[in-house]
Amino acid sequence: EDPDNPGDGNGDVEPDNPGDSSGDTYDPNMIYVAGDTVVYNGSTYKAKWWTKGGAAPDTNQAWEKISGGDGGGTGSADAYNAAKAYVGGDRVMYEGHIYQAKWWTRGNTPGSSDVWELIE
């Protein structure tokens, strides 16, 4: 791993400060290529293609969430974001409820669209 270029395409990104308790490795000023992984707000994301800057991984379509920070389960989901695209199986939290996407969607509000199934 090259410490001066954690986004060198080798598939892993080391934190700049391993002692940092947040554990985040995402740097909005870094260039990432397909396959690079980062931790952002306790979740791990993998770059789908070349990306630099822009929105954080939790709202940027260049990133795929590959693991959550809370262990998953029916009680866990990220907050719904109308600008983000979701695929079947993705779960979101909206107005205190968890919904699961039945198929690809973007901009369809949980609870008012057939694409979302109420989980809890």
PDB file of N, CA and C in Angstrom:
ATOM      1  N   GLU A   1       0.847  -1.185   0.000  1.00  0.00           N
ATOM      2  CA  GLU A   1       0.000   0.000   0.000  1.00  0.00           C
ATOM      3  C   GLU A   1       0.883   1.234   0.000  1.00  0.00           C
ATOM      4  N   ASP A   2       0.629   2.138  -0.901  1.00  0.00           N
ATOM      5  CA  ASP A   2       1.354   3.394  -0.980  1.00  0.00           C
ATOM      6  C   ASP A   2       0.661   4.398  -0.060  1.00  0.00           C
ATOM      7  N   PRO A   3       1.270   4.818   1.047  1.00  0.00           N
ATOM      8  CA  PRO A   3       0.591   5.714   1.983  1.00  0.00           C
ATOM      9  C   PRO A   3       0.272   7.077   1.390  1.00  0.00           C
ATOM     10  N   ASP A   4       0.960   7.475   0.316  1.00  0.00           N
ATOM     11  CA  ASP A   4       0.664   8.755  -0.313  1.00  0.00           C
ATOM     12  C   ASP A   4      -0.458   8.657  -1.324  1.00  0.00           C
ATOM     13  N   ASN A   5      -0.888   7.443  -1.671  1.00  0.00           N
ATOM     14  CA  ASN A   5      -1.954   7.266  -2.650  1.00  0.00           C
ATOM     15  C   ASN A   5      -2.814   6.063  -2.262  1.00  0.00           C
ATOM     16  N   PRO A   6      -3.678   6.222  -1.236  1.00  0.00           N
ATOM     17  CA  PRO A   6      -4.484   5.076  -0.812  1.00  0.00           C
ATOM     18  C   PRO A   6      -5.490   4.638  -1.854  1.00  0.00           C
ATOM     19  N   GLY A   7      -5.761   5.456  -2.867  1.00  0.00           N
ATOM     20  CA  GLY A   7      -6.705   5.080  -3.910  1.00  0.00           C
ATOM     21  C   GLY A   7      -5.984   4.590  -5.148  1.00  0.00           C
ATOM     22  N   ASP A   8      -5.012   3.715  -5.003  1.00  0.00           N
ATOM     23  CA  ASP A   8      -4.196   3.306  -6.138  1.00  0.00           C
ATOM     24  C   ASP A   8      -4.755   2.108  -6.901  1.00  0.00           C
ATOM     25  N   GLY A   9      -5.992   1.704  -6.602  1.00  0.00           N
ATOM     26  CA  GLY A   9      -6.623   0.653  -7.376  1.00  0.00           C
ATOM     27  C   GLY A   9      -6.341  -0.746  -6.893  1.00  0.00           C
ATOM     28  N   ASN A  10      -5.681  -0.887  -5.754  1.00  0.00           N
ATOM     29  CA  ASN A  10      -5.389  -2.231  -5.285  1.00  0.00           C
ATOM     30  C   ASN A  10      -6.529  -2.823  -4.475  1.00  0.00           C
ATOM     31  N   GLY A  11      -7.638  -2.095  -4.357  1.00  0.00           N
ATOM     32  CA  GLY A  11      -8.829  -2.632  -3.729  1.00  0.00           C
ATOM     33  C   GLY A  11      -8.977  -2.331  -2.256  1.00  0.00           C
ATOM     34  N   ASP A  12      -7.975  -1.733  -1.632  1.00  0.00           N
ATOM     35  CA  ASP A  12      -8.155  -1.379  -0.238  1.00  0.00           C
ATOM     36  C   ASP A  12      -7.587   0.004   0.012  1.00  0.00           C
ATOM     37  N   VAL A  13      -8.147   0.659   1.005  1.00  0.00           N
ATOM     38  CA  VAL A  13      -7.722   2.002   1.359  1.00  0.00           C
ATOM     39  C   VAL A  13      -7.458   2.018   2.847  1.00  0.00           C
ATOM     40  N   GLU A  14      -6.254   2.408   3.200  1.00  0.00           N
ATOM     41  CA  GLU A  14      -5.880   2.459   4.601  1.00  0.00           C
ATOM     42  C   GLU A  14      -6.191   3.841   5.149  1.00  0.00           C
ATOM     43  N   PRO A  15      -6.626   3.918   6.403  1.00  0.00           N
ATOM     44  CA  PRO A  15      -6.877   5.240   6.985  1.00  0.00           C
ATOM     45  C   PRO A  15      -5.581   6.025   7.123  1.00  0.00           C
ATOM     46  N   ASP A  16      -5.684   7.355   6.957  1.00  0.00           N
ATOM     47  CA  ASP A  16      -4.512   8.207   7.118  1.00  0.00           C
ATOM     48  C   ASP A  16      -4.021   8.179   8.554  1.00  0.00           C
ATOM     49  N   ASN A  17      -4.944   8.028   9.483  1.00  0.00           N
ATOM     50  CA  ASN A  17      -4.593   8.006  10.894  1.00  0.00           C
ATOM     51  C   ASN A  17      -5.249   6.783  11.525  1.00  0.00           C
ATOM     52  N   PRO A  18      -4.541   5.649  11.589  1.00  0.00           N
ATOM     53  CA  PRO A  18      -5.147   4.438  12.123  1.00  0.00           C
ATOM     54  C   PRO A  18      -5.639   4.577  13.555  1.00  0.00           C
ATOM     55  N   GLY A  19      -5.138   5.553  14.305  1.00  0.00           N
ATOM     56  CA  GLY A  19      -5.590   5.758  15.667  1.00  0.00           C
ATOM     57  C   GLY A  19      -6.882   6.543  15.765  1.00  0.00           C
ATOM     58  N   ASP A  20      -7.378   7.057  14.660  1.00  0.00           N
ATOM     59  CA  ASP A  20      -8.610   7.831  14.637  1.00  0.00           C
ATOM     60  C   ASP A  20      -9.779   6.932  15.008  1.00  0.00           C
ATOM     61  N   SER A  21     -10.509   7.277  16.054  1.00  0.00           N
ATOM     62  CA  SER A  21     -11.580   6.412  16.546  1.00  0.00           C
ATOM     63  C   SER A  21     -12.762   6.342  15.588  1.00  0.00           C
ATOM     64  N   SER A  22     -12.901   7.297  14.677  1.00  0.00           N
ATOM     65  CA  SER A  22     -14.042   7.262  13.765  1.00  0.00           C
ATOM     66  C   SER A  22     -13.921   6.100  12.790  1.00  0.00           C
ATOM     67  N   GLY A  23     -12.703   5.716  12.427  1.00  0.00           N
ATOM     68  CA  GLY A  23     -12.500   4.601  11.502  1.00  0.00           C
ATOM     69  C   GLY A  23     -12.757   4.960  10.050  1.00  0.00           C
ATOM     70  N   ASP A  24     -13.181   6.185   9.763  1.00  0.00           N
ATOM     71  CA  ASP A  24     -13.459   6.571   8.389  1.00  0.00           C
ATOM     72  C   ASP A  24     -12.167   6.658   7.580  1.00  0.00           C
ATOM     73  N   THR A  25     -12.210   6.150   6.347  1.00  0.00           N
ATOM     74  CA  THR A  25     -11.062   6.228   5.454  1.00  0.00           C
ATOM     75  C   THR A  25     -11.380   7.057   4.213  1.00  0.00           C
ATOM     76  N   TYR A  26     -12.639   7.455   4.024  1.00  0.00           N
ATOM     77  CA  TYR A  26     -13.020   8.230   2.844  1.00  0.00           C
ATOM     78  C   TYR A  26     -12.418   9.631   2.899  1.00  0.00           C
ATOM     79  N   ASP A  27     -11.828  10.064   1.798  1.00  0.00           N
ATOM     80  CA  ASP A  27     -11.254  11.403   1.675  1.00  0.00           C
ATOM     81  C   ASP A  27     -11.828  12.023   0.403  1.00  0.00           C
ATOM     82  N   PRO A  28     -12.646  13.071   0.497  1.00  0.00           N
ATOM     83  CA  PRO A  28     -13.276  13.653  -0.691  1.00  0.00           C
ATOM     84  C   PRO A  28     -12.282  14.263  -1.673  1.00  0.00           C
ATOM     85  N   ASN A  29     -11.034  14.444  -1.271  1.00  0.00           N
ATOM     86  CA  ASN A  29     -10.022  14.999  -2.163  1.00  0.00           C
ATOM     87  C   ASN A  29      -9.197  13.932  -2.868  1.00  0.00           C
ATOM     88  N   MET A  30      -9.448  12.668  -2.542  1.00  0.00           N
ATOM     89  CA  MET A  30      -8.683  11.552  -3.089  1.00  0.00           C
ATOM     90  C   MET A  30      -9.351  11.041  -4.380  1.00  0.00           C
ATOM     91  N   ILE A  31      -8.545  10.539  -5.278  1.00  0.00           N
ATOM     92  CA  ILE A  31      -9.056   9.866  -6.474  1.00  0.00           C
ATOM     93  C   ILE A  31      -9.169   8.378  -6.159  1.00  0.00           C
ATOM     94  N   TYR A  32     -10.317   7.797  -6.488  1.00  0.00           N
ATOM     95  CA  TYR A  32     -10.552   6.375  -6.293  1.00  0.00           C
ATOM     96  C   TYR A  32     -10.878   5.741  -7.635  1.00  0.00           C
ATOM     97  N   VAL A  33     -10.502   4.494  -7.800  1.00  0.00           N
ATOM     98  CA  VAL A  33     -10.807   3.761  -9.031  1.00  0.00           C
ATOM     99  C   VAL A  33     -11.672   2.554  -8.680  1.00  0.00           C
ATOM    100  N   ALA A  34     -12.275   1.950  -9.689  1.00  0.00           N
ATOM    101  CA  ALA A  34     -13.158   0.803  -9.483  1.00  0.00           C
ATOM    102  C   ALA A  34     -12.482  -0.241  -8.609  1.00  0.00           C
ATOM    103  N   GLY A  35     -13.204  -0.686  -7.589  1.00  0.00           N
ATOM    104  CA  GLY A  35     -12.680  -1.713  -6.692  1.00  0.00           C
ATOM    105  C   GLY A  35     -12.111  -1.183  -5.390  1.00  0.00           C
ATOM    106  N   ASP A  36     -11.752   0.106  -5.343  1.00  0.00           N
ATOM    107  CA  ASP A  36     -11.251   0.670  -4.089  1.00  0.00           C
ATOM    108  C   ASP A  36     -12.360   0.647  -3.048  1.00  0.00           C
ATOM    109  N   THR A  37     -12.003   0.397  -1.796  1.00  0.00           N
ATOM    110  CA  THR A  37     -12.985   0.405  -0.724  1.00  0.00           C
ATOM    111  C   THR A  37     -12.630   1.466   0.301  1.00  0.00           C
ATOM    112  N   VAL A  38     -13.668   2.026   0.909  1.00  0.00           N
ATOM    113  CA  VAL A  38     -13.508   3.027   1.958  1.00  0.00           C
ATOM    114  C   VAL A  38     -14.530   2.767   3.054  1.00  0.00           C
ATOM    115  N   VAL A  39     -14.268   3.330   4.216  1.00  0.00           N
ATOM    116  CA  VAL A  39     -15.232   3.316   5.305  1.00  0.00           C
ATOM    117  C   VAL A  39     -15.729   4.740   5.480  1.00  0.00           C
ATOM    118  N   TYR A  40     -17.054   4.901   5.544  1.00  0.00           N
ATOM    119  CA  TYR A  40     -17.656   6.214   5.735  1.00  0.00           C
ATOM    120  C   TYR A  40     -18.839   6.062   6.690  1.00  0.00           C
ATOM    121  N   ASN A  41     -18.812   6.780   7.790  1.00  0.00           N
ATOM    122  CA  ASN A  41     -19.862   6.706   8.811  1.00  0.00           C
ATOM    123  C   ASN A  41     -20.147   5.276   9.255  1.00  0.00           C
ATOM    124  N   GLY A  42     -19.095   4.483   9.388  1.00  0.00           N
ATOM    125  CA  GLY A  42     -19.235   3.130   9.901  1.00  0.00           C
ATOM    126  C   GLY A  42     -19.644   2.082   8.885  1.00  0.00           C
ATOM    127  N   SER A  43     -19.849   2.470   7.623  1.00  0.00           N
ATOM    128  CA  SER A  43     -20.215   1.523   6.574  1.00  0.00           C
ATOM    129  C   SER A  43     -19.092   1.448   5.548  1.00  0.00           C
ATOM    130  N   THR A  44     -18.942   0.283   4.921  1.00  0.00           N
ATOM    131  CA  THR A  44     -17.909   0.091   3.911  1.00  0.00           C
ATOM    132  C   THR A  44     -18.525   0.212   2.530  1.00  0.00           C
ATOM    133  N   TYR A  45     -17.853   0.953   1.666  1.00  0.00           N
ATOM    134  CA  TYR A  45     -18.315   1.197   0.300  1.00  0.00           C
ATOM    135  C   TYR A  45     -17.224   0.799  -0.680  1.00  0.00           C
ATOM    136  N   LYS A  46     -17.627   0.328  -1.872  1.00  0.00           N
ATOM    137  CA  LYS A  46     -16.689  -0.020  -2.936  1.00  0.00           C
ATOM    138  C   LYS A  46     -16.981   0.868  -4.140  1.00  0.00           C
ATOM    139  N   ALA A  47     -15.908   1.463  -4.698  1.00  0.00           N
ATOM    140  CA  ALA A  47     -16.065   2.312  -5.881  1.00  0.00           C
ATOM    141  C   ALA A  47     -16.456   1.467  -7.087  1.00  0.00           C
ATOM    142  N   LYS A  48     -17.481   1.926  -7.824  1.00  0.00           N
ATOM    143  CA  LYS A  48     -17.924   1.216  -9.025  1.00  0.00           C
ATOM    144  C   LYS A  48     -17.121   1.660 -10.255  1.00  0.00           C
ATOM    145  N   TRP A  49     -16.578   2.866 -10.199  1.00  0.00           N
ATOM    146  CA  TRP A  49     -15.781   3.422 -11.287  1.00  0.00           C
ATOM    147  C   TRP A  49     -14.913   4.541 -10.715  1.00  0.00           C
ATOM    148  N   TRP A  50     -14.104   5.174 -11.568  1.00  0.00           N
ATOM    149  CA  TRP A  50     -13.245   6.282 -11.154  1.00  0.00           C
ATOM    150  C   TRP A  50     -14.099   7.387 -10.563  1.00  0.00           C
ATOM    151  N   THR A  51     -13.656   7.936  -9.436  1.00  0.00           N
ATOM    152  CA  THR A  51     -14.397   9.030  -8.827  1.00  0.00           C
ATOM    153  C   THR A  51     -13.466   9.885  -7.976  1.00  0.00           C
ATOM    154  N   LYS A  52     -13.797  11.155  -7.889  1.00  0.00           N
ATOM    155  CA  LYS A  52     -13.079  12.078  -7.008  1.00  0.00           C
ATOM    156  C   LYS A  52     -14.054  13.143  -6.543  1.00  0.00           C
ATOM    157  N   GLY A  53     -14.024  13.403  -5.255  1.00  0.00           N
ATOM    158  CA  GLY A  53     -14.850  14.470  -4.713  1.00  0.00           C
ATOM    159  C   GLY A  53     -16.331  14.205  -4.893  1.00  0.00           C
ATOM    160  N   GLY A  54     -17.090  15.269  -4.939  1.00  0.00           N
ATOM    161  CA  GLY A  54     -18.527  15.116  -5.071  1.00  0.00           C
ATOM    162  C   GLY A  54     -19.155  14.702  -3.750  1.00  0.00           C
ATOM    163  N   ALA A  55     -20.316  14.108  -3.872  1.00  0.00           N
ATOM    164  CA  ALA A  55     -21.073  13.697  -2.692  1.00  0.00           C
ATOM    165  C   ALA A  55     -20.372  12.548  -1.965  1.00  0.00           C
ATOM    166  N   ALA A  56     -20.647  12.427  -0.692  1.00  0.00           N
ATOM    167  CA  ALA A  56     -20.096  11.344   0.127  1.00  0.00           C
ATOM    168  C   ALA A  56     -20.621   9.999  -0.359  1.00  0.00           C
ATOM    169  N   PRO A  57     -19.935   8.901  -0.042  1.00  0.00           N
ATOM    170  CA  PRO A  57     -20.336   7.583  -0.541  1.00  0.00           C
ATOM    171  C   PRO A  57     -21.781   7.196  -0.249  1.00  0.00           C
ATOM    172  N   ASP A  58     -22.358   7.671   0.858  1.00  0.00           N
ATOM    173  CA  ASP A  58     -23.723   7.279   1.182  1.00  0.00           C
ATOM    174  C   ASP A  58     -24.772   7.938   0.291  1.00  0.00           C
ATOM    175  N   THR A  59     -24.367   8.934  -0.505  1.00  0.00           N
ATOM    176  CA  THR A  59     -25.311   9.589  -1.414  1.00  0.00           C
ATOM    177  C   THR A  59     -24.788   9.662  -2.849  1.00  0.00           C
ATOM    178  N   ASN A  60     -23.658   9.036  -3.124  1.00  0.00           N
ATOM    179  CA  ASN A  60     -23.007   9.123  -4.425  1.00  0.00           C
ATOM    180  C   ASN A  60     -23.130   7.779  -5.151  1.00  0.00           C
ATOM    181  N   GLN A  61     -23.681   7.783  -6.349  1.00  0.00           N
ATOM    182  CA  GLN A  61     -23.913   6.547  -7.081  1.00  0.00           C
ATOM    183  C   GLN A  61     -22.639   5.881  -7.574  1.00  0.00           C
ATOM    184  N   ALA A  62     -21.503   6.538  -7.438  1.00  0.00           N
ATOM    185  CA  ALA A  62     -20.230   5.915  -7.812  1.00  0.00           C
ATOM    186  C   ALA A  62     -19.808   4.859  -6.794  1.00  0.00           C
ATOM    187  N   TRP A  63     -20.479   4.824  -5.654  1.00  0.00           N
ATOM    188  CA  TRP A  63     -20.129   3.904  -4.568  1.00  0.00           C
ATOM    189  C   TRP A  63     -21.228   2.890  -4.335  1.00  0.00           C
ATOM    190  N   GLU A  64     -20.819   1.663  -4.026  1.00  0.00           N
ATOM    191  CA  GLU A  64     -21.739   0.589  -3.661  1.00  0.00           C
ATOM    192  C   GLU A  64     -21.486   0.227  -2.206  1.00  0.00           C
ATOM    193  N   LYS A  65     -22.542   0.237  -1.403  1.00  0.00           N
ATOM    194  CA  LYS A  65     -22.399  -0.141   0.007  1.00  0.00           C
ATOM    195  C   LYS A  65     -22.238  -1.652   0.076  1.00  0.00           C
ATOM    196  N   ILE A  66     -21.148  -2.097   0.707  1.00  0.00           N
ATOM    197  CA  ILE A  66     -20.913  -3.535   0.783  1.00  0.00           C
ATOM    198  C   ILE A  66     -21.060  -4.080   2.195  1.00  0.00           C
ATOM    199  N   SER A  67     -21.070  -3.209   3.197  1.00  0.00           N
ATOM    200  CA  SER A  67     -21.380  -3.655   4.554  1.00  0.00           C
ATOM    201  C   SER A  67     -21.750  -2.455   5.399  1.00  0.00           C
ATOM    202  N   GLY A  68     -22.661  -2.694   6.342  1.00  0.00           N
ATOM    203  CA  GLY A  68     -23.110  -1.633   7.231  1.00  0.00           C
ATOM    204  C   GLY A  68     -22.370  -1.673   8.539  1.00  0.00           C
ATOM    205  N   GLY A  69     -22.412  -0.581   9.255  1.00  0.00           N
ATOM    206  CA  GLY A  69     -21.694  -0.487  10.501  1.00  0.00           C
ATOM    207  C   GLY A  69     -22.402  -1.102  11.686  1.00  0.00           C
ATOM    208  N   ASP A  70     -23.692  -1.453  11.557  1.00  0.00           N
ATOM    209  CA  ASP A  70     -24.420  -1.929  12.724  1.00  0.00           C
ATOM    210  C   ASP A  70     -24.779  -3.402  12.661  1.00  0.00           C
ATOM    211  N   GLY A  71     -24.192  -4.142  11.743  1.00  0.00           N
ATOM    212  CA  GLY A  71     -24.411  -5.572  11.696  1.00  0.00           C
ATOM    213  C   GLY A  71     -25.619  -6.018  10.923  1.00  0.00           C
ATOM    214  N   GLY A  72     -26.386  -5.098  10.361  1.00  0.00           N
ATOM    215  CA  GLY A  72     -27.530  -5.484   9.542  1.00  0.00           C
ATOM    216  C   GLY A  72     -28.702  -5.933  10.377  1.00  0.00           C
ATOM    217  N   GLY A  73     -29.532  -6.816   9.794  1.00  0.00           N
ATOM    218  CA  GLY A  73     -30.732  -7.266  10.471  1.00  0.00           C
ATOM    219  C   GLY A  73     -31.917  -6.432  10.070  1.00  0.00           C
ATOM    220  N   THR A  74     -33.103  -6.863  10.499  1.00  0.00           N
ATOM    221  CA  THR A  74     -34.307  -6.159  10.071  1.00  0.00           C
ATOM    222  C   THR A  74     -34.405  -4.771  10.655  1.00  0.00           C
ATOM    223  N   GLY A  75     -33.720  -4.504  11.763  1.00  0.00           N
ATOM    224  CA  GLY A  75     -33.833  -3.208  12.406  1.00  0.00           C
ATOM    225  C   GLY A  75     -32.874  -2.160  11.900  1.00  0.00           C
ATOM    226  N   SER A  76     -32.119  -2.435  10.846  1.00  0.00           N
ATOM    227  CA  SER A  76     -31.133  -1.469  10.398  1.00  0.00           C
ATOM    228  C   SER A  76     -31.398  -1.035   8.961  1.00  0.00           C
ATOM    229  N   ALA A  77     -31.218   0.254   8.723  1.00  0.00           N
ATOM    230  CA  ALA A  77     -31.366   0.796   7.376  1.00  0.00           C
ATOM    231  C   ALA A  77     -30.841   2.222   7.378  1.00  0.00           C
ATOM    232  N   ASP A  78     -30.332   2.654   6.233  1.00  0.00           N
ATOM    233  CA  ASP A  78     -29.899   4.032   6.085  1.00  0.00           C
ATOM    234  C   ASP A  78     -31.118   4.908   5.806  1.00  0.00           C
ATOM    235  N   ALA A  79     -30.996   6.176   6.120  1.00  0.00           N
ATOM    236  CA  ALA A  79     -32.087   7.116   5.867  1.00  0.00           C
ATOM    237  C   ALA A  79     -32.361   7.205   4.369  1.00  0.00           C
ATOM    238  N   TYR A  80     -33.632   7.312   4.004  1.00  0.00           N
ATOM    239  CA  TYR A  80     -34.035   7.440   2.601  1.00  0.00           C
ATOM    240  C   TYR A  80     -33.487   8.733   2.020  1.00  0.00           C
ATOM    241  N   ASN A  81     -32.991   8.665   0.783  1.00  0.00           N
ATOM    242  CA  ASN A  81     -32.461   9.822   0.076  1.00  0.00           C
ATOM    243  C   ASN A  81     -33.096   9.826  -1.317  1.00  0.00           C
ATOM    244  N   ALA A  82     -33.947  10.788  -1.610  1.00  0.00           N
ATOM    245  CA  ALA A  82     -34.686  10.837  -2.874  1.00  0.00           C
ATOM    246  C   ALA A  82     -33.770  10.938  -4.096  1.00  0.00           C
ATOM    247  N   ALA A  83     -32.538  11.432  -3.908  1.00  0.00           N
ATOM    248  CA  ALA A  83     -31.617  11.585  -5.040  1.00  0.00           C
ATOM    249  C   ALA A  83     -30.839  10.302  -5.339  1.00  0.00           C
ATOM    250  N   LYS A  84     -30.907   9.326  -4.455  1.00  0.00           N
ATOM    251  CA  LYS A  84     -30.132   8.099  -4.611  1.00  0.00           C
ATOM    252  C   LYS A  84     -30.952   7.037  -5.335  1.00  0.00           C
ATOM    253  N   ALA A  85     -30.293   6.253  -6.165  1.00  0.00           N
ATOM    254  CA  ALA A  85     -30.943   5.113  -6.819  1.00  0.00           C
ATOM    255  C   ALA A  85     -30.826   3.897  -5.911  1.00  0.00           C
ATOM    256  N   TYR A  86     -31.894   3.140  -5.811  1.00  0.00           N
ATOM    257  CA  TYR A  86     -31.928   1.915  -5.009  1.00  0.00           C
ATOM    258  C   TYR A  86     -32.267   0.738  -5.910  1.00  0.00           C
ATOM    259  N   VAL A  87     -31.803  -0.432  -5.537  1.00  0.00           N
ATOM    260  CA  VAL A  87     -32.106  -1.656  -6.279  1.00  0.00           C
ATOM    261  C   VAL A  87     -32.906  -2.584  -5.384  1.00  0.00           C
ATOM    262  N   GLY A  88     -33.534  -3.580  -5.983  1.00  0.00           N
ATOM    263  CA  GLY A  88     -34.324  -4.537  -5.218  1.00  0.00           C
ATOM    264  C   GLY A  88     -33.533  -5.099  -4.047  1.00  0.00           C
ATOM    265  N   GLY A  89     -34.143  -5.098  -2.867  1.00  0.00           N
ATOM    266  CA  GLY A  89     -33.486  -5.602  -1.670  1.00  0.00           C
ATOM    267  C   GLY A  89     -32.897  -4.520  -0.792  1.00  0.00           C
ATOM    268  N   ASP A  90     -32.649  -3.326  -1.344  1.00  0.00           N
ATOM    269  CA  ASP A  90     -32.125  -2.226  -0.532  1.00  0.00           C
ATOM    270  C   ASP A  90     -33.163  -1.820   0.507  1.00  0.00           C
ATOM    271  N   ARG A  91     -32.693  -1.506   1.707  1.00  0.00           N
ATOM    272  CA  ARG A  91     -33.579  -1.079   2.783  1.00  0.00           C
ATOM    273  C   ARG A  91     -33.276   0.351   3.172  1.00  0.00           C
ATOM    274  N   VAL A  92     -34.349   1.084   3.501  1.00  0.00           N
ATOM    275  CA  VAL A  92     -34.214   2.477   3.933  1.00  0.00           C
ATOM    276  C   VAL A  92     -35.095   2.726   5.140  1.00  0.00           C
ATOM    277  N   MET A  93     -34.711   3.753   5.894  1.00  0.00           N
ATOM    278  CA  MET A  93     -35.524   4.226   7.010  1.00  0.00           C
ATOM    279  C   MET A  93     -36.216   5.497   6.544  1.00  0.00           C
ATOM    280  N   TYR A  94     -37.547   5.545   6.701  1.00  0.00           N
ATOM    281  CA  TYR A  94     -38.300   6.740   6.302  1.00  0.00           C
ATOM    282  C   TYR A  94     -39.429   6.943   7.293  1.00  0.00           C
ATOM    283  N   GLU A  95     -39.462   8.111   7.917  1.00  0.00           N
ATOM    284  CA  GLU A  95     -40.485   8.481   8.896  1.00  0.00           C
ATOM    285  C   GLU A  95     -40.665   7.400   9.960  1.00  0.00           C
ATOM    286  N   GLY A  96     -39.535   6.852  10.443  1.00  0.00           N
ATOM    287  CA  GLY A  96     -39.568   5.893  11.532  1.00  0.00           C
ATOM    288  C   GLY A  96     -39.877   4.461  11.138  1.00  0.00           C
ATOM    289  N   HIS A  97     -40.022   4.205   9.847  1.00  0.00           N
ATOM    290  CA  HIS A  97     -40.318   2.856   9.369  1.00  0.00           C
ATOM    291  C   HIS A  97     -39.222   2.384   8.416  1.00  0.00           C
ATOM    292  N   ILE A  98     -39.045   1.064   8.346  1.00  0.00           N
ATOM    293  CA  ILE A  98     -38.079   0.489   7.418  1.00  0.00           C
ATOM    294  C   ILE A  98     -38.835  -0.070   6.218  1.00  0.00           C
ATOM    295  N   TYR A  99     -38.349   0.304   5.029  1.00  0.00           N
ATOM    296  CA  TYR A  99     -38.930  -0.154   3.772  1.00  0.00           C
ATOM    297  C   TYR A  99     -37.864  -0.882   2.969  1.00  0.00           C
ATOM    298  N   GLN A 100     -38.296  -1.838   2.160  1.00  0.00           N
ATOM    299  CA  GLN A 100     -37.381  -2.560   1.279  1.00  0.00           C
ATOM    300  C   GLN A 100     -37.830  -2.364  -0.164  1.00  0.00           C
ATOM    301  N   ALA A 101     -36.865  -2.010  -1.033  1.00  0.00           N
ATOM    302  CA  ALA A 101     -37.169  -1.820  -2.458  1.00  0.00           C
ATOM    303  C   ALA A 101     -37.441  -3.165  -3.116  1.00  0.00           C
ATOM    304  N   LYS A 102     -38.480  -3.210  -3.955  1.00  0.00           N
ATOM    305  CA  LYS A 102     -38.813  -4.436  -4.687  1.00  0.00           C
ATOM    306  C   LYS A 102     -38.043  -4.511  -6.000  1.00  0.00           C
ATOM    307  N   TRP A 103     -37.688  -3.354  -6.555  1.00  0.00           N
ATOM    308  CA  TRP A 103     -36.937  -3.264  -7.802  1.00  0.00           C
ATOM    309  C   TRP A 103     -36.235  -1.910  -7.838  1.00  0.00           C
ATOM    310  N   TRP A 104     -35.519  -1.620  -8.934  1.00  0.00           N
ATOM    311  CA  TRP A 104     -34.782  -0.354  -9.070  1.00  0.00           C
ATOM    312  C   TRP A 104     -35.734   0.814  -8.928  1.00  0.00           C
ATOM    313  N   THR A 105     -35.287   1.829  -8.204  1.00  0.00           N
ATOM    314  CA  THR A 105     -36.100   3.028  -8.027  1.00  0.00           C
ATOM    315  C   THR A 105     -35.225   4.218  -7.667  1.00  0.00           C
ATOM    316  N   ARG A 106     -35.717   5.382  -8.006  1.00  0.00           N
ATOM    317  CA  ARG A 106     -35.106   6.637  -7.557  1.00  0.00           C
ATOM    318  C   ARG A 106     -36.202   7.687  -7.527  1.00  0.00           C
ATOM    319  N   GLY A 107     -36.302   8.394  -6.414  1.00  0.00           N
ATOM    320  CA  GLY A 107     -37.267   9.476  -6.298  1.00  0.00           C
ATOM    321  C   GLY A 107     -38.678   9.043  -5.937  1.00  0.00           C
ATOM    322  N   ASN A 108     -38.913   7.740  -5.756  1.00  0.00           N
ATOM    323  CA  ASN A 108     -40.231   7.250  -5.334  1.00  0.00           C
ATOM    324  C   ASN A 108     -40.224   7.123  -3.815  1.00  0.00           C
ATOM    325  N   THR A 109     -41.059   7.895  -3.160  1.00  0.00           N
ATOM    326  CA  THR A 109     -41.055   7.985  -1.709  1.00  0.00           C
ATOM    327  C   THR A 109     -41.633   6.733  -1.056  1.00  0.00           C
ATOM    328  N   PRO A 110     -40.903   6.162  -0.103  1.00  0.00           N
ATOM    329  CA  PRO A 110     -41.436   5.004   0.638  1.00  0.00           C
ATOM    330  C   PRO A 110     -42.775   5.360   1.298  1.00  0.00           C
ATOM    331  N   GLY A 111     -43.686   4.421   1.288  1.00  0.00           N
ATOM    332  CA  GLY A 111     -45.000   4.639   1.879  1.00  0.00           C
ATOM    333  C   GLY A 111     -46.017   5.206   0.914  1.00  0.00           C
ATOM    334  N   SER A 112     -45.553   5.732  -0.225  1.00  0.00           N
ATOM    335  CA  SER A 112     -46.487   6.289  -1.200  1.00  0.00           C
ATOM    336  C   SER A 112     -46.226   5.746  -2.600  1.00  0.00           C
ATOM    337  N   SER A 113     -45.425   4.677  -2.680  1.00  0.00           N
ATOM    338  CA  SER A 113     -45.101   4.067  -3.961  1.00  0.00           C
ATOM    339  C   SER A 113     -45.073   2.550  -3.819  1.00  0.00           C
ATOM    340  N   ASP A 114     -45.578   1.849  -4.830  1.00  0.00           N
ATOM    341  CA  ASP A 114     -45.619   0.381  -4.807  1.00  0.00           C
ATOM    342  C   ASP A 114     -44.240  -0.268  -4.845  1.00  0.00           C
ATOM    343  N   VAL A 115     -43.205   0.491  -5.204  1.00  0.00           N
ATOM    344  CA  VAL A 115     -41.862  -0.082  -5.277  1.00  0.00           C
ATOM    345  C   VAL A 115     -41.326  -0.449  -3.897  1.00  0.00           C
ATOM    346  N   TRP A 116     -41.860   0.180  -2.851  1.00  0.00           N
ATOM    347  CA  TRP A 116     -41.376  -0.042  -1.493  1.00  0.00           C
ATOM    348  C   TRP A 116     -42.323  -0.940  -0.709  1.00  0.00           C
ATOM    349  N   GLU A 117     -41.744  -1.909   0.006  1.00  0.00           N
ATOM    350  CA  GLU A 117     -42.490  -2.810   0.885  1.00  0.00           C
ATOM    351  C   GLU A 117     -42.181  -2.421   2.321  1.00  0.00           C
ATOM    352  N   LEU A 118     -43.222  -2.216   3.146  1.00  0.00           N
ATOM    353  CA  LEU A 118     -43.032  -1.895   4.552  1.00  0.00           C
ATOM    354  C   LEU A 118     -42.525  -3.133   5.282  1.00  0.00           C
ATOM    355  N   ILE A 119     -41.370  -3.022   5.940  1.00  0.00           N
ATOM    356  CA  ILE A 119     -40.771  -4.135   6.678  1.00  0.00           C
ATOM    357  C   ILE A 119     -41.122  -4.044   8.152  1.00  0.00           C
ATOM    358  N   GLU A 120     -40.929  -2.867   8.728  1.00  0.00           N
ATOM    359  CA  GLU A 120     -41.304  -2.663  10.133  1.00  0.00           C
ATOM    360  C   GLU A 120     -41.560  -1.202  10.429  1.00  0.00           C
TER     361      GLU A 120
END
